[in-house]
Amino acid sequence: MQQRPTPIVLFSSSTGDAEQRTMAALTAGALAVVRKPSGPADSASAADRDHLIRTLRLMAGVK
């Protein structure tokens, strides 16, 4: 971010050591880490998708 400011948002379906990976990504310069939307059969899919889109829109404005 210091050399080439680019808003980075990671999305992951990772489990297990997800907290460690999230912290590593944020430490490395990511602005946000969000859960990857699951398939359409999952009841949480629409909410996950909306959260991802909202996060991307917000982070796109970060300078």
PDB file of N, CA and C in Angstrom:
ATOM      1  N   MET A   1       0.827  -1.195   0.000  1.00  0.00           N
ATOM      2  CA  MET A   1       0.000   0.000   0.000  1.00  0.00           C
ATOM      3  C   MET A   1       0.873   1.261   0.000  1.00  0.00           C
ATOM      4  N   GLN A   2       2.060   1.188   0.564  1.00  0.00           N
ATOM      5  CA  GLN A   2       2.915   2.364   0.604  1.00  0.00           C
ATOM      6  C   GLN A   2       3.473   2.686  -0.773  1.00  0.00           C
ATOM      7  N   GLN A   3       3.850   1.658  -1.533  1.00  0.00           N
ATOM      8  CA  GLN A   3       4.469   1.890  -2.832  1.00  0.00           C
ATOM      9  C   GLN A   3       3.446   2.078  -3.942  1.00  0.00           C
ATOM     10  N   ARG A   4       2.383   1.324  -3.913  1.00  0.00           N
ATOM     11  CA  ARG A   4       1.350   1.417  -4.944  1.00  0.00           C
ATOM     12  C   ARG A   4      -0.007   1.220  -4.281  1.00  0.00           C
ATOM     13  N   PRO A   5      -0.632   2.298  -3.839  1.00  0.00           N
ATOM     14  CA  PRO A   5      -1.898   2.176  -3.125  1.00  0.00           C
ATOM     15  C   PRO A   5      -2.976   1.490  -3.972  1.00  0.00           C
ATOM     16  N   THR A   6      -3.344   0.308  -3.553  1.00  0.00           N
ATOM     17  CA  THR A   6      -4.369  -0.476  -4.226  1.00  0.00           C
ATOM     18  C   THR A   6      -5.220  -1.134  -3.153  1.00  0.00           C
ATOM     19  N   PRO A   7      -6.500  -0.837  -3.109  1.00  0.00           N
ATOM     20  CA  PRO A   7      -7.340  -1.476  -2.099  1.00  0.00           C
ATOM     21  C   PRO A   7      -7.467  -2.974  -2.380  1.00  0.00           C
ATOM     22  N   ILE A   8      -7.095  -3.783  -1.412  1.00  0.00           N
ATOM     23  CA  ILE A   8      -7.123  -5.232  -1.562  1.00  0.00           C
ATOM     24  C   ILE A   8      -8.165  -5.810  -0.621  1.00  0.00           C
ATOM     25  N   VAL A   9      -9.078  -6.576  -1.191  1.00  0.00           N
ATOM     26  CA  VAL A   9     -10.099  -7.281  -0.424  1.00  0.00           C
ATOM     27  C   VAL A   9      -9.964  -8.753  -0.748  1.00  0.00           C
ATOM     28  N   LEU A  10      -9.780  -9.564   0.264  1.00  0.00           N
ATOM     29  CA  LEU A  10      -9.698 -11.010   0.076  1.00  0.00           C
ATOM     30  C   LEU A  10     -11.029 -11.631   0.438  1.00  0.00           C
ATOM     31  N   PHE A  11     -11.402 -12.651  -0.304  1.00  0.00           N
ATOM     32  CA  PHE A  11     -12.560 -13.431   0.110  1.00  0.00           C
ATOM     33  C   PHE A  11     -12.151 -14.877   0.115  1.00  0.00           C
ATOM     34  N   SER A  12     -12.592 -15.589   1.139  1.00  0.00           N
ATOM     35  CA  SER A  12     -12.107 -16.937   1.372  1.00  0.00           C
ATOM     36  C   SER A  12     -13.197 -17.821   1.950  1.00  0.00           C
ATOM     37  N   SER A  13     -13.116 -19.078   1.607  1.00  0.00           N
ATOM     38  CA  SER A  13     -13.990 -20.075   2.221  1.00  0.00           C
ATOM     39  C   SER A  13     -13.181 -20.924   3.184  1.00  0.00           C
ATOM     40  N   SER A  14     -11.982 -20.473   3.473  1.00  0.00           N
ATOM     41  CA  SER A  14     -11.053 -21.195   4.342  1.00  0.00           C
ATOM     42  C   SER A  14     -11.625 -21.412   5.741  1.00  0.00           C
ATOM     43  N   THR A  15     -11.344 -22.575   6.283  1.00  0.00           N
ATOM     44  CA  THR A  15     -11.693 -22.863   7.670  1.00  0.00           C
ATOM     45  C   THR A  15     -10.429 -23.310   8.388  1.00  0.00           C
ATOM     46  N   GLY A  16     -10.542 -23.692   9.602  1.00  0.00           N
ATOM     47  CA  GLY A  16      -9.375 -24.154  10.352  1.00  0.00           C
ATOM     48  C   GLY A  16      -8.599 -22.983  10.903  1.00  0.00           C
ATOM     49  N   ASP A  17      -7.532 -22.603  10.225  1.00  0.00           N
ATOM     50  CA  ASP A  17      -6.683 -21.509  10.702  1.00  0.00           C
ATOM     51  C   ASP A  17      -7.087 -20.179  10.060  1.00  0.00           C
ATOM     52  N   ALA A  18      -8.369 -19.995   9.815  1.00  0.00           N
ATOM     53  CA  ALA A  18      -8.881 -18.795   9.144  1.00  0.00           C
ATOM     54  C   ALA A  18      -8.510 -17.512   9.884  1.00  0.00           C
ATOM     55  N   GLU A  19      -8.548 -17.545  11.200  1.00  0.00           N
ATOM     56  CA  GLU A  19      -8.214 -16.338  11.967  1.00  0.00           C
ATOM     57  C   GLU A  19      -6.767 -15.935  11.744  1.00  0.00           C
ATOM     58  N   GLN A  20      -5.872 -16.905  11.732  1.00  0.00           N
ATOM     59  CA  GLN A  20      -4.455 -16.608  11.504  1.00  0.00           C
ATOM     60  C   GLN A  20      -4.234 -16.074  10.090  1.00  0.00           C
ATOM     61  N   ARG A  21      -4.903 -16.676   9.128  1.00  0.00           N
ATOM     62  CA  ARG A  21      -4.765 -16.220   7.738  1.00  0.00           C
ATOM     63  C   ARG A  21      -5.338 -14.817   7.565  1.00  0.00           C
ATOM     64  N   THR A  22      -6.439 -14.544   8.225  1.00  0.00           N
ATOM     65  CA  THR A  22      -7.039 -13.215   8.151  1.00  0.00           C
ATOM     66  C   THR A  22      -6.090 -12.173   8.709  1.00  0.00           C
ATOM     67  N   MET A  23      -5.533 -12.436   9.867  1.00  0.00           N
ATOM     68  CA  MET A  23      -4.601 -11.494  10.477  1.00  0.00           C
ATOM     69  C   MET A  23      -3.360 -11.303   9.606  1.00  0.00           C
ATOM     70  N   ALA A  24      -2.858 -12.379   9.016  1.00  0.00           N
ATOM     71  CA  ALA A  24      -1.687 -12.281   8.135  1.00  0.00           C
ATOM     72  C   ALA A  24      -2.006 -11.426   6.911  1.00  0.00           C
ATOM     73  N   ALA A  25      -3.197 -11.606   6.346  1.00  0.00           N
ATOM     74  CA  ALA A  25      -3.593 -10.829   5.169  1.00  0.00           C
ATOM     75  C   ALA A  25      -3.726  -9.351   5.517  1.00  0.00           C
ATOM     76  N   LEU A  26      -4.334  -9.053   6.645  1.00  0.00           N
ATOM     77  CA  LEU A  26      -4.493  -7.664   7.064  1.00  0.00           C
ATOM     78  C   LEU A  26      -3.138  -7.031   7.376  1.00  0.00           C
ATOM     79  N   THR A  27      -2.258  -7.785   7.993  1.00  0.00           N
ATOM     80  CA  THR A  27      -0.917  -7.293   8.292  1.00  0.00           C
ATOM     81  C   THR A  27      -0.140  -7.016   7.009  1.00  0.00           C
ATOM     82  N   ALA A  28      -0.377  -7.831   5.979  1.00  0.00           N
ATOM     83  CA  ALA A  28       0.320  -7.676   4.704  1.00  0.00           C
ATOM     84  C   ALA A  28      -0.253  -6.547   3.849  1.00  0.00           C
ATOM     85  N   GLY A  29      -1.386  -5.965   4.265  1.00  0.00           N
ATOM     86  CA  GLY A  29      -1.904  -4.815   3.549  1.00  0.00           C
ATOM     87  C   GLY A  29      -3.322  -4.922   3.032  1.00  0.00           C
ATOM     88  N   ALA A  30      -3.950  -6.072   3.186  1.00  0.00           N
ATOM     89  CA  ALA A  30      -5.349  -6.185   2.766  1.00  0.00           C
ATOM     90  C   ALA A  30      -6.202  -5.264   3.622  1.00  0.00           C
ATOM     91  N   LEU A  31      -7.224  -4.693   3.031  1.00  0.00           N
ATOM     92  CA  LEU A  31      -8.123  -3.810   3.776  1.00  0.00           C
ATOM     93  C   LEU A  31      -9.243  -4.571   4.453  1.00  0.00           C
ATOM     94  N   ALA A  32      -9.625  -5.709   3.869  1.00  0.00           N
ATOM     95  CA  ALA A  32     -10.727  -6.490   4.424  1.00  0.00           C
ATOM     96  C   ALA A  32     -10.611  -7.931   3.978  1.00  0.00           C
ATOM     97  N   VAL A  33     -11.159  -8.807   4.771  1.00  0.00           N
ATOM     98  CA  VAL A  33     -11.280 -10.223   4.439  1.00  0.00           C
ATOM     99  C   VAL A  33     -12.731 -10.606   4.709  1.00  0.00           C
ATOM    100  N   VAL A  34     -13.405 -11.109   3.697  1.00  0.00           N
ATOM    101  CA  VAL A  34     -14.811 -11.484   3.846  1.00  0.00           C
ATOM    102  C   VAL A  34     -15.005 -12.939   3.438  1.00  0.00           C
ATOM    103  N   ARG A  35     -16.070 -13.516   3.953  1.00  0.00           N
ATOM    104  CA  ARG A  35     -16.370 -14.913   3.645  1.00  0.00           C
ATOM    105  C   ARG A  35     -16.857 -15.033   2.207  1.00  0.00           C
ATOM    106  N   LYS A  36     -16.339 -16.019   1.515  1.00  0.00           N
ATOM    107  CA  LYS A  36     -16.733 -16.279   0.138  1.00  0.00           C
ATOM    108  C   LYS A  36     -18.177 -16.768   0.114  1.00  0.00           C
ATOM    109  N   PRO A  37     -18.994 -16.173  -0.749  1.00  0.00           N
ATOM    110  CA  PRO A  37     -20.380 -16.641  -0.840  1.00  0.00           C
ATOM    111  C   PRO A  37     -20.429 -18.106  -1.259  1.00  0.00           C
ATOM    112  N   SER A  38     -21.281 -18.852  -0.613  1.00  0.00           N
ATOM    113  CA  SER A  38     -21.422 -20.267  -0.959  1.00  0.00           C
ATOM    114  C   SER A  38     -22.394 -20.403  -2.124  1.00  0.00           C
ATOM    115  N   GLY A  39     -22.702 -21.611  -2.455  1.00  0.00           N
ATOM    116  CA  GLY A  39     -23.597 -21.864  -3.574  1.00  0.00           C
ATOM    117  C   GLY A  39     -25.016 -21.401  -3.304  1.00  0.00           C
ATOM    118  N   PRO A  40     -25.837 -21.347  -4.340  1.00  0.00           N
ATOM    119  CA  PRO A  40     -27.206 -20.851  -4.191  1.00  0.00           C
ATOM    120  C   PRO A  40     -28.086 -21.713  -3.286  1.00  0.00           C
ATOM    121  N   ALA A  41     -27.695 -22.942  -3.021  1.00  0.00           N
ATOM    122  CA  ALA A  41     -28.494 -23.812  -2.149  1.00  0.00           C
ATOM    123  C   ALA A  41     -28.359 -23.431  -0.672  1.00  0.00           C
ATOM    124  N   ASP A  42     -27.304 -22.711  -0.333  1.00  0.00           N
ATOM    125  CA  ASP A  42     -27.071 -22.310   1.058  1.00  0.00           C
ATOM    126  C   ASP A  42     -27.952 -21.106   1.409  1.00  0.00           C
ATOM    127  N   SER A  43     -28.626 -21.173   2.541  1.00  0.00           N
ATOM    128  CA  SER A  43     -29.530 -20.096   2.940  1.00  0.00           C
ATOM    129  C   SER A  43     -28.797 -18.789   3.234  1.00  0.00           C
ATOM    130  N   ALA A  44     -27.512 -18.855   3.571  1.00  0.00           N
ATOM    131  CA  ALA A  44     -26.738 -17.653   3.880  1.00  0.00           C
ATOM    132  C   ALA A  44     -26.096 -17.048   2.629  1.00  0.00           C
ATOM    133  N   SER A  45     -26.266 -17.675   1.488  1.00  0.00           N
ATOM    134  CA  SER A  45     -25.602 -17.246   0.262  1.00  0.00           C
ATOM    135  C   SER A  45     -25.929 -15.811  -0.118  1.00  0.00           C
ATOM    136  N   ALA A  46     -27.190 -15.431  -0.098  1.00  0.00           N
ATOM    137  CA  ALA A  46     -27.583 -14.075  -0.488  1.00  0.00           C
ATOM    138  C   ALA A  46     -26.988 -13.034   0.455  1.00  0.00           C
ATOM    139  N   ALA A  47     -27.006 -13.314   1.746  1.00  0.00           N
ATOM    140  CA  ALA A  47     -26.438 -12.377   2.718  1.00  0.00           C
ATOM    141  C   ALA A  47     -24.927 -12.260   2.527  1.00  0.00           C
ATOM    142  N   ASP A  48     -24.255 -13.388   2.293  1.00  0.00           N
ATOM    143  CA  ASP A  48     -22.807 -13.366   2.062  1.00  0.00           C
ATOM    144  C   ASP A  48     -22.476 -12.577   0.800  1.00  0.00           C
ATOM    145  N   ARG A  49     -23.259 -12.785  -0.253  1.00  0.00           N
ATOM    146  CA  ARG A  49     -23.040 -12.080  -1.509  1.00  0.00           C
ATOM    147  C   ARG A  49     -23.235 -10.578  -1.323  1.00  0.00           C
ATOM    148  N   ASP A  50     -24.290 -10.203  -0.631  1.00  0.00           N
ATOM    149  CA  ASP A  50     -24.560  -8.780  -0.394  1.00  0.00           C
ATOM    150  C   ASP A  50     -23.456  -8.137   0.434  1.00  0.00           C
ATOM    151  N   HIS A  51     -22.974  -8.866   1.426  1.00  0.00           N
ATOM    152  CA  HIS A  51     -21.875  -8.349   2.263  1.00  0.00           C
ATOM    153  C   HIS A  51     -20.613  -8.162   1.429  1.00  0.00           C
ATOM    154  N   LEU A  52     -20.302  -9.117   0.569  1.00  0.00           N
ATOM    155  CA  LEU A  52     -19.119  -9.016  -0.290  1.00  0.00           C
ATOM    156  C   LEU A  52     -19.235  -7.809  -1.212  1.00  0.00           C
ATOM    157  N   ILE A  53     -20.363  -7.647  -1.850  1.00  0.00           N
ATOM    158  CA  ILE A  53     -20.560  -6.520  -2.776  1.00  0.00           C
ATOM    159  C   ILE A  53     -20.475  -5.193  -2.036  1.00  0.00           C
ATOM    160  N   ARG A  54     -21.105  -5.110  -0.880  1.00  0.00           N
ATOM    161  CA  ARG A  54     -21.061  -3.875  -0.075  1.00  0.00           C
ATOM    162  C   ARG A  54     -19.618  -3.555   0.325  1.00  0.00           C
ATOM    163  N   THR A  55     -18.863  -4.571   0.741  1.00  0.00           N
ATOM    164  CA  THR A  55     -17.470  -4.374   1.138  1.00  0.00           C
ATOM    165  C   THR A  55     -16.627  -3.911  -0.045  1.00  0.00           C
ATOM    166  N   LEU A  56     -16.810  -4.527  -1.208  1.00  0.00           N
ATOM    167  CA  LEU A  56     -16.051  -4.137  -2.391  1.00  0.00           C
ATOM    168  C   LEU A  56     -16.323  -2.679  -2.771  1.00  0.00           C
ATOM    169  N   ARG A  57     -17.584  -2.286  -2.710  1.00  0.00           N
ATOM    170  CA  ARG A  57     -17.934  -0.906  -3.034  1.00  0.00           C
ATOM    171  C   ARG A  57     -17.298   0.084  -2.050  1.00  0.00           C
ATOM    172  N   LEU A  58     -17.328  -0.262  -0.776  1.00  0.00           N
ATOM    173  CA  LEU A  58     -16.725   0.615   0.226  1.00  0.00           C
ATOM    174  C   LEU A  58     -15.210   0.708   0.057  1.00  0.00           C
ATOM    175  N   MET A  59     -14.564  -0.412  -0.148  1.00  0.00           N
ATOM    176  CA  MET A  59     -13.108  -0.435  -0.243  1.00  0.00           C
ATOM    177  C   MET A  59     -12.607   0.181  -1.551  1.00  0.00           C
ATOM    178  N   ALA A  60     -13.441   0.201  -2.582  1.00  0.00           N
ATOM    179  CA  ALA A  60     -13.051   0.821  -3.865  1.00  0.00           C
ATOM    180  C   ALA A  60     -12.788   2.307  -3.700  1.00  0.00           C
ATOM    181  N   GLY A  61     -13.382   2.913  -2.679  1.00  0.00           N
ATOM    182  CA  GLY A  61     -13.202   4.339  -2.451  1.00  0.00           C
ATOM    183  C   GLY A  61     -12.019   4.687  -1.567  1.00  0.00           C
ATOM    184  N   VAL A  62     -11.326   3.687  -1.051  1.00  0.00           N
ATOM    185  CA  VAL A  62     -10.189   3.928  -0.163  1.00  0.00           C
ATOM    186  C   VAL A  62      -8.981   4.375  -0.992  1.00  0.00           C
ATOM    187  N   LYS A  63      -8.375   5.451  -0.584  1.00  0.00           N
ATOM    188  CA  LYS A  63      -7.196   5.970  -1.292  1.00  0.00           C
ATOM    189  C   LYS A  63      -5.931   5.526  -0.619  1.00  0.00           C
TER     190      LYS A  63
END
